[in-house]
Amino acid sequence: MKSIWRAWTIQLYSEFDDLCYQYRLKDFKKPTIEIAQLSSIWGDYDSSTKMIRLSERLFNDYPWHWVMEVFKHELAHHYSETVFKKSDGHGPYFQKACEKLGVYSLFRRAQIDLENKPLPEWRSESKREEENALYNKIEKLLSLAQSSNEHESALAMKKVREIYQKYHIKKIEKQIKSDYVFSVIHFKTKRFERHIKMIASIVQNYFFVEVIYSHQYDPKTQNSYKTIELLGTRENVLMSEYVFHFLRKTLDSLWRGQKKTGVIAKRSFFEGVLVGFEEKLKLQNKELETNHLNQSLIVLKNDPILTEFTKERFPRVSYQFSSTRRRFDVQSYESGHNKGKNLSIYRPIDKKDSSEIKYLK
């Protein structure tokens, strides 16, 4: 066995133990796990030997959260066989096992086993006509938001949020089913800086997604790193992902225009920008709450399906808050605060300089 295969196998056994803890699977027996050079499948399960095999290519071609979904797919076969005592392919007992293991909906399909087909990706799933219309409107407004006219820019950003809310209200009123998805933000870091957590908080509080801090194994470096996961409807996750990366890159861009240097000044400036920007969003919310969108904001912020979807992926999630005293640069903070109050989200003109910004289309 290749040494790296051994490391991956050990990690999968560790992931199995964690899954049993997270989903309270007390009677679930551990299968044998093998990494192999499979020619036509991503993975398979042999009920006679209770063995799960995963393709080496899976680890090389896909991020770990997709590896885990294929692994959980095969574990569902194992669960159906050993706990339910039923072997029904991808039938009702397999689907029930998928629910027990929190297998993401796209990975409950039969074709997951086939290597000649790419793994399912919610971004590539066909969009509904109303979704495309929404994205086209947002694209145009994001372009307007980069206007040098401060009033026009602020109005365009406010309009983006209003259109999103009206779109969701329409879906609720017409009982249109939403696709709930997740996106993993991964910087290969062991610790998130405070400004990253502040951006995540803004995204969660104003763009109708759930934010979960987690960790993820990297099969190439064989290390685990901190991650941020965004969960919500497809359109909300796309928008939140865009906003997250936009703010992160904008902070660096704005800082380059400052005369001060040093870690404390930079950190204070970043916090000032984000506090100022959040104040702007709060003001927009108050304006929206004065019209017919007031009740809808409450509905959108308390989405029971999103709560259930989050619990399905993170059944034992806990929320921890910490506060530490830090040295502060008041001048840098105030400078950043002024920038933040006038900041608008816009679509970058130079696409070559925006590789990390996830576009809406």
Protein backbone atom coordinates (compact mmCIF):
# COMPACT_ATOMS: atom_id res chain seq x y z
CA MET A 1 0.00 0.00 0.00
CA LYS A 2 1.26 3.47 -0.86
CA SER A 3 2.12 5.49 2.26
CA ILE A 4 -0.31 8.25 1.24
CA TRP A 5 -3.07 5.65 0.79
CA ARG A 6 -2.40 4.47 4.33
CA ALA A 7 -2.76 8.06 5.61
CA TRP A 8 -6.04 8.51 3.72
CA THR A 9 -7.38 5.20 5.06
CA ILE A 10 -6.51 6.13 8.65
CA GLN A 11 -8.28 9.46 8.16
CA LEU A 12 -11.41 7.72 6.81
CA TYR A 13 -11.53 5.45 9.87
CA SER A 14 -11.30 8.58 12.01
CA GLU A 15 -14.09 10.19 9.97
CA PHE A 16 -16.20 7.05 10.50
CA ASP A 17 -15.82 7.34 14.27
CA ASP A 18 -16.79 11.01 14.10
CA LEU A 19 -19.86 10.24 11.96
CA CYS A 20 -20.99 7.64 14.49
CA TYR A 21 -20.64 10.24 17.25
CA GLN A 22 -22.29 13.08 15.31
CA TYR A 23 -25.27 11.00 14.14
CA ARG A 24 -25.50 8.83 17.28
CA LEU A 25 -25.00 5.54 15.41
CA LYS A 26 -24.26 3.24 18.35
CA ASP A 27 -24.91 -0.09 16.59
CA PHE A 28 -23.06 0.71 13.37
CA LYS A 29 -20.17 -1.70 12.84
CA LYS A 30 -16.99 -0.37 11.21
CA PRO A 31 -16.43 -1.62 7.63
CA THR A 32 -13.09 -2.47 6.08
CA ILE A 33 -11.84 0.47 3.99
CA GLU A 34 -9.51 0.24 1.02
CA ILE A 35 -8.07 2.79 -1.42
CA ALA A 36 -7.53 1.30 -4.87
CA GLN A 37 -6.85 2.15 -8.49
CA LEU A 38 -10.38 1.58 -9.73
CA SER A 39 -10.89 1.90 -13.46
CA SER A 40 -14.61 2.59 -13.78
CA ILE A 41 -16.09 3.51 -10.40
CA TRP A 42 -15.60 6.15 -7.67
CA GLY A 43 -16.38 3.62 -5.00
CA ASP A 44 -18.21 0.42 -4.16
CA TYR A 45 -19.39 -1.74 -1.28
CA ASP A 46 -19.01 -5.51 -1.05
CA SER A 47 -21.67 -6.92 1.27
CA SER A 48 -19.93 -10.33 1.56
CA THR A 49 -16.66 -8.86 2.90
CA LYS A 50 -18.18 -5.68 4.41
CA MET A 51 -15.55 -3.70 2.49
CA ILE A 52 -15.75 -0.18 1.08
CA ARG A 53 -13.36 0.68 -1.73
CA LEU A 54 -12.71 4.21 -2.94
CA SER A 55 -10.90 5.25 -6.10
CA GLU A 56 -7.50 6.90 -5.74
CA ARG A 57 -8.58 9.40 -8.39
CA LEU A 58 -11.37 10.60 -6.11
CA PHE A 59 -8.77 11.94 -3.63
CA ASN A 60 -6.72 13.57 -6.36
CA ASP A 61 -9.56 15.19 -8.31
CA TYR A 62 -11.99 16.40 -5.65
CA PRO A 63 -11.97 18.30 -2.33
CA TRP A 64 -12.40 16.32 0.87
CA HIS A 65 -16.07 17.22 1.43
CA TRP A 66 -16.94 15.47 -1.85
CA VAL A 67 -14.74 12.50 -0.90
CA MET A 68 -16.76 12.31 2.31
CA GLU A 69 -20.08 12.34 0.44
CA VAL A 70 -18.98 9.38 -1.72
CA PHE A 71 -17.72 7.64 1.44
CA LYS A 72 -21.06 8.27 3.17
CA HIS A 73 -22.89 6.97 0.08
CA GLU A 74 -21.02 3.67 0.40
CA LEU A 75 -21.51 3.69 4.17
CA ALA A 76 -25.26 3.92 3.53
CA HIS A 77 -25.04 0.62 1.64
CA HIS A 78 -23.16 -0.84 4.61
CA TYR A 79 -25.74 0.55 7.08
CA SER A 80 -28.66 -0.84 5.08
CA GLU A 81 -26.97 -4.25 4.94
CA THR A 82 -25.80 -4.50 8.56
CA VAL A 83 -28.40 -2.52 10.52
CA PHE A 84 -31.59 -2.82 8.47
CA LYS A 85 -30.56 -6.28 7.21
CA LYS A 86 -31.73 -5.24 3.76
CA SER A 87 -29.83 -5.07 0.50
CA ASP A 88 -32.03 -3.12 -1.91
CA GLY A 89 -29.52 -1.30 -4.10
CA HIS A 90 -30.54 2.36 -4.03
CA GLY A 91 -34.07 1.63 -2.87
CA PRO A 92 -36.06 2.80 0.17
CA TYR A 93 -33.82 1.22 2.81
CA PHE A 94 -30.72 2.73 1.22
CA GLN A 95 -32.44 6.14 1.15
CA LYS A 96 -33.38 5.74 4.81
CA ALA A 97 -29.74 4.92 5.59
CA CYS A 98 -28.70 8.08 3.71
CA GLU A 99 -30.97 10.11 6.01
CA LYS A 100 -29.37 8.47 9.06
CA LEU A 101 -25.90 9.43 7.80
CA GLY A 102 -26.78 12.89 6.52
CA VAL A 103 -25.80 12.09 2.93
CA TYR A 104 -26.24 15.18 0.77
CA SER A 105 -29.22 14.76 -1.59
CA LEU A 106 -27.16 14.89 -4.80
CA PHE A 107 -25.08 11.95 -3.55
CA ARG A 108 -28.01 9.62 -2.93
CA ARG A 109 -28.23 8.76 -6.61
CA ALA A 110 -27.15 5.48 -8.17
CA GLN A 111 -24.70 7.06 -10.65
CA ILE A 112 -22.43 8.24 -7.81
CA ASP A 113 -20.65 4.90 -8.13
CA LEU A 114 -19.68 5.53 -11.76
CA GLU A 115 -16.23 7.03 -12.32
CA ASN A 116 -16.85 7.87 -15.98
CA LYS A 117 -19.34 10.52 -14.82
CA PRO A 118 -18.23 13.62 -12.87
CA LEU A 119 -19.50 13.92 -9.32
CA PRO A 120 -22.68 16.02 -9.03
CA GLU A 121 -22.15 19.72 -8.35
CA TRP A 122 -25.08 21.95 -7.49
CA ARG A 123 -23.54 24.84 -9.44
CA SER A 124 -23.87 22.86 -12.66
CA GLU A 125 -27.49 21.86 -12.04
CA SER A 126 -29.88 23.58 -14.46
CA LYS A 127 -31.47 26.74 -13.10
CA ARG A 128 -35.15 27.56 -13.22
CA GLU A 129 -36.31 30.36 -15.50
CA GLU A 130 -37.11 32.64 -12.55
CA GLU A 131 -33.63 32.04 -11.11
CA ASN A 132 -31.96 33.12 -14.34
CA ALA A 133 -34.13 36.25 -14.40
CA LEU A 134 -33.07 37.02 -10.82
CA TYR A 135 -29.36 36.59 -11.60
CA ASN A 136 -29.62 38.83 -14.66
CA LYS A 137 -31.20 41.63 -12.59
CA ILE A 138 -28.53 41.26 -9.90
CA GLU A 139 -25.75 41.38 -12.48
CA LYS A 140 -27.02 44.69 -13.85
CA LEU A 141 -27.46 46.22 -10.39
CA LEU A 142 -23.98 45.12 -9.26
CA SER A 143 -22.59 46.91 -12.28
CA LEU A 144 -24.48 50.08 -11.31
CA ALA A 145 -23.20 49.79 -7.72
CA GLN A 146 -19.65 50.61 -8.84
CA SER A 147 -20.81 54.10 -9.86
CA SER A 148 -18.74 57.01 -8.57
CA ASN A 149 -22.04 58.62 -7.59
CA GLU A 150 -22.39 57.65 -3.91
CA HIS A 151 -26.20 57.94 -3.86
CA GLU A 152 -26.62 55.90 -7.05
CA SER A 153 -24.24 53.23 -5.75
CA ALA A 154 -26.03 52.91 -2.39
CA LEU A 155 -29.42 52.78 -4.11
CA ALA A 156 -28.27 49.96 -6.42
CA MET A 157 -27.02 47.90 -3.47
CA LYS A 158 -30.26 48.44 -1.55
CA LYS A 159 -32.21 47.41 -4.64
CA VAL A 160 -30.21 44.15 -4.88
CA ARG A 161 -31.27 43.17 -1.37
CA GLU A 162 -34.87 44.22 -1.96
CA ILE A 163 -35.11 42.13 -5.14
CA TYR A 164 -33.72 39.11 -3.32
CA GLN A 165 -36.27 39.45 -0.54
CA LYS A 166 -39.18 39.89 -2.95
CA TYR A 167 -38.00 36.84 -4.88
CA HIS A 168 -38.08 34.73 -1.71
CA ILE A 169 -41.46 36.05 -0.64
CA LYS A 170 -42.87 35.06 -4.03
CA LYS A 171 -41.44 31.55 -3.60
CA ILE A 172 -42.98 31.27 -0.13
CA GLU A 173 -46.39 32.56 -1.28
CA LYS A 174 -46.47 30.22 -4.29
CA GLN A 175 -44.93 27.36 -2.27
CA ILE A 176 -42.14 26.91 -4.80
CA LYS A 177 -39.64 24.31 -3.64
CA SER A 178 -36.10 25.56 -3.01
CA ASP A 179 -32.87 23.63 -3.46
CA TYR A 180 -30.74 23.80 -0.32
CA VAL A 181 -26.99 23.60 -0.89
CA PHE A 182 -23.71 24.21 0.90
CA SER A 183 -20.40 25.80 -0.01
CA VAL A 184 -17.12 25.21 1.83
CA ILE A 185 -14.72 28.17 2.12
CA HIS A 186 -11.24 26.82 2.65
CA PHE A 187 -8.06 28.93 3.05
CA LYS A 188 -5.78 26.15 4.36
CA THR A 189 -5.42 27.94 7.66
CA LYS A 190 -5.34 26.67 11.24
CA ARG A 191 -6.93 29.86 12.59
CA PHE A 192 -9.31 32.49 11.25
CA GLU A 193 -8.43 36.14 11.75
CA ARG A 194 -11.05 38.30 13.47
CA HIS A 195 -11.99 40.16 10.28
CA ILE A 196 -12.80 36.85 8.55
CA LYS A 197 -15.19 35.98 11.38
CA MET A 198 -16.74 39.44 11.13
CA ILE A 199 -17.35 38.94 7.39
CA ALA A 200 -18.93 35.54 8.10
CA SER A 201 -21.20 37.17 10.69
CA ILE A 202 -22.32 39.84 8.19
CA VAL A 203 -23.08 37.19 5.59
CA GLN A 204 -25.16 35.18 8.06
CA ASN A 205 -27.07 38.14 9.49
CA TYR A 206 -27.97 39.88 6.23
CA PHE A 207 -27.95 37.33 3.39
CA PHE A 208 -30.17 34.51 4.69
CA VAL A 209 -27.61 31.72 5.08
CA GLU A 210 -26.38 29.66 7.99
CA VAL A 211 -22.64 29.85 8.72
CA ILE A 212 -20.87 26.93 10.37
CA TYR A 213 -17.21 26.85 11.43
CA SER A 214 -15.75 23.42 10.91
CA HIS A 215 -12.54 21.72 9.80
CA GLN A 216 -11.55 19.66 6.79
CA TYR A 217 -8.79 17.22 5.98
CA ASP A 218 -6.56 17.92 2.98
CA PRO A 219 -5.47 14.64 1.34
CA LYS A 220 -2.55 16.30 -0.45
CA THR A 221 -0.90 17.85 2.63
CA GLN A 222 -2.39 15.29 5.07
CA ASN A 223 -3.32 18.11 7.45
CA SER A 224 -6.65 19.40 8.76
CA TYR A 225 -7.60 23.06 8.34
CA LYS A 226 -10.35 25.37 9.52
CA THR A 227 -13.28 25.89 7.16
CA ILE A 228 -16.37 28.06 6.90
CA GLU A 229 -19.47 26.45 5.46
CA LEU A 230 -22.34 28.46 4.00
CA LEU A 231 -25.72 26.71 3.93
CA GLY A 232 -28.94 27.90 2.35
CA THR A 233 -30.93 28.02 -0.85
CA ARG A 234 -28.83 27.99 -4.00
CA GLU A 235 -29.39 31.66 -4.80
CA ASN A 236 -28.61 32.74 -1.24
CA VAL A 237 -25.43 30.68 -1.02
CA LEU A 238 -24.24 32.07 -4.36
CA MET A 239 -24.88 35.64 -3.23
CA SER A 240 -23.33 35.08 0.22
CA GLU A 241 -20.27 33.46 -1.28
CA TYR A 242 -19.88 36.42 -3.63
CA VAL A 243 -20.25 38.93 -0.78
CA PHE A 244 -17.82 37.01 1.44
CA HIS A 245 -15.00 37.01 -1.13
CA PHE A 246 -15.80 40.55 -2.27
CA LEU A 247 -15.43 41.93 1.27
CA ARG A 248 -12.26 39.95 1.93
CA LYS A 249 -10.56 41.24 -1.21
CA THR A 250 -11.93 44.78 -0.76
CA LEU A 251 -10.39 45.04 2.73
CA ASP A 252 -6.95 44.36 1.28
CA SER A 253 -7.57 46.79 -1.58
CA LEU A 254 -8.70 49.60 0.76
CA TRP A 255 -5.78 49.00 3.14
CA ARG A 256 -3.27 49.48 0.32
CA GLY A 257 -4.53 53.06 0.05
CA GLN A 258 -3.75 53.86 3.69
CA LYS A 259 -0.57 55.64 4.82
CA LYS A 260 -0.24 53.79 8.13
CA THR A 261 1.48 50.43 8.45
CA GLY A 262 1.65 47.72 11.07
CA VAL A 263 -0.48 44.79 12.25
CA ILE A 264 -2.46 46.76 14.86
CA ALA A 265 -3.32 49.57 12.45
CA LYS A 266 -4.33 47.10 9.74
CA ARG A 267 -6.50 45.05 12.08
CA SER A 268 -8.18 48.19 13.45
CA PHE A 269 -8.80 49.48 9.93
CA PHE A 270 -10.38 46.18 8.84
CA GLU A 271 -12.70 46.16 11.84
CA GLY A 272 -13.69 49.77 11.19
CA VAL A 273 -14.58 49.03 7.56
CA LEU A 274 -16.73 46.04 8.51
CA VAL A 275 -18.50 47.81 11.37
CA GLY A 276 -19.26 50.75 9.08
CA PHE A 277 -20.51 48.46 6.33
CA GLU A 278 -22.74 46.55 8.76
CA GLU A 279 -24.21 49.83 10.00
CA LYS A 280 -25.11 50.60 6.40
CA LEU A 281 -26.85 47.23 6.06
CA LYS A 282 -28.74 47.79 9.33
CA LEU A 283 -29.99 51.12 8.04
CA GLN A 284 -31.15 49.48 4.81
CA ASN A 285 -32.99 46.84 6.84
CA LYS A 286 -34.81 49.53 8.81
CA GLU A 287 -35.89 51.18 5.57
CA LEU A 288 -37.11 47.84 4.20
CA GLU A 289 -38.97 47.11 7.43
CA THR A 290 -41.05 50.24 7.00
CA ASN A 291 -42.72 48.84 3.89
CA HIS A 292 -44.55 45.63 2.96
CA LEU A 293 -41.30 43.60 3.32
CA ASN A 294 -41.37 43.86 7.12
CA GLN A 295 -43.14 40.55 7.77
CA SER A 296 -41.19 38.77 5.05
CA LEU A 297 -37.86 39.60 6.70
CA ILE A 298 -39.00 37.72 9.80
CA VAL A 299 -40.05 34.72 7.68
CA LEU A 300 -36.76 34.66 5.76
CA LYS A 301 -34.65 34.90 8.91
CA ASN A 302 -36.50 31.97 10.48
CA ASP A 303 -36.40 29.37 7.71
CA PRO A 304 -37.33 25.98 9.27
CA ILE A 305 -36.12 24.04 6.21
CA LEU A 306 -32.69 25.69 6.45
CA THR A 307 -32.58 24.84 10.16
CA GLU A 308 -33.37 21.20 9.34
CA PHE A 309 -30.82 21.13 6.50
CA THR A 310 -28.14 22.50 8.85
CA LYS A 311 -28.98 19.92 11.51
CA GLU A 312 -28.77 17.20 8.88
CA ARG A 313 -25.21 18.20 8.05
CA PHE A 314 -24.16 19.19 11.57
CA PRO A 315 -26.38 17.29 14.05
CA ARG A 316 -24.29 18.23 17.08
CA VAL A 317 -23.36 21.77 16.10
CA SER A 318 -22.61 24.13 18.98
CA TYR A 319 -22.11 27.88 18.92
CA GLN A 320 -19.15 29.35 20.75
CA PHE A 321 -18.46 33.03 21.23
CA SER A 322 -15.21 34.49 22.46
CA SER A 323 -13.94 37.97 23.12
CA THR A 324 -10.36 38.97 23.78
CA ARG A 325 -8.77 42.31 24.57
CA ARG A 326 -6.60 43.63 21.76
CA ARG A 327 -4.47 46.67 21.19
CA PHE A 328 -6.34 49.18 19.06
CA ASP A 329 -5.52 52.04 16.70
CA VAL A 330 -8.39 54.54 16.93
CA GLN A 331 -7.30 56.62 13.94
CA SER A 332 -7.12 53.57 11.67
CA TYR A 333 -10.47 52.31 12.95
CA GLU A 334 -12.18 55.65 12.24
CA SER A 335 -10.65 55.80 8.79
CA GLY A 336 -11.93 52.30 8.05
CA HIS A 337 -15.33 53.09 9.54
CA ASN A 338 -15.82 55.98 7.13
CA LYS A 339 -14.83 53.75 4.22
CA GLY A 340 -17.24 51.03 5.34
CA LYS A 341 -20.24 53.34 5.61
CA ASN A 342 -19.76 54.29 1.94
CA LEU A 343 -18.91 50.80 0.69
CA SER A 344 -21.17 49.12 -1.89
CA ILE A 345 -20.93 45.60 -3.25
CA TYR A 346 -20.28 45.65 -6.96
CA ARG A 347 -19.20 43.38 -9.77
CA PRO A 348 -15.47 43.77 -10.48
CA ILE A 349 -14.53 45.37 -13.79
CA ASP A 350 -11.24 43.47 -14.13
CA LYS A 351 -12.18 39.78 -14.10
CA LYS A 352 -8.50 38.79 -14.29
CA ASP A 353 -8.02 40.24 -10.81
CA SER A 354 -10.99 38.47 -9.28
CA SER A 355 -10.13 34.77 -9.48
CA GLU A 356 -11.29 34.10 -5.91
CA ILE A 357 -14.59 35.92 -6.29
CA LYS A 358 -17.33 33.41 -7.02
CA TYR A 359 -19.61 34.86 -9.65
CA LEU A 360 -23.36 34.52 -9.66
CA LYS A 361 -23.37 32.86 -13.08
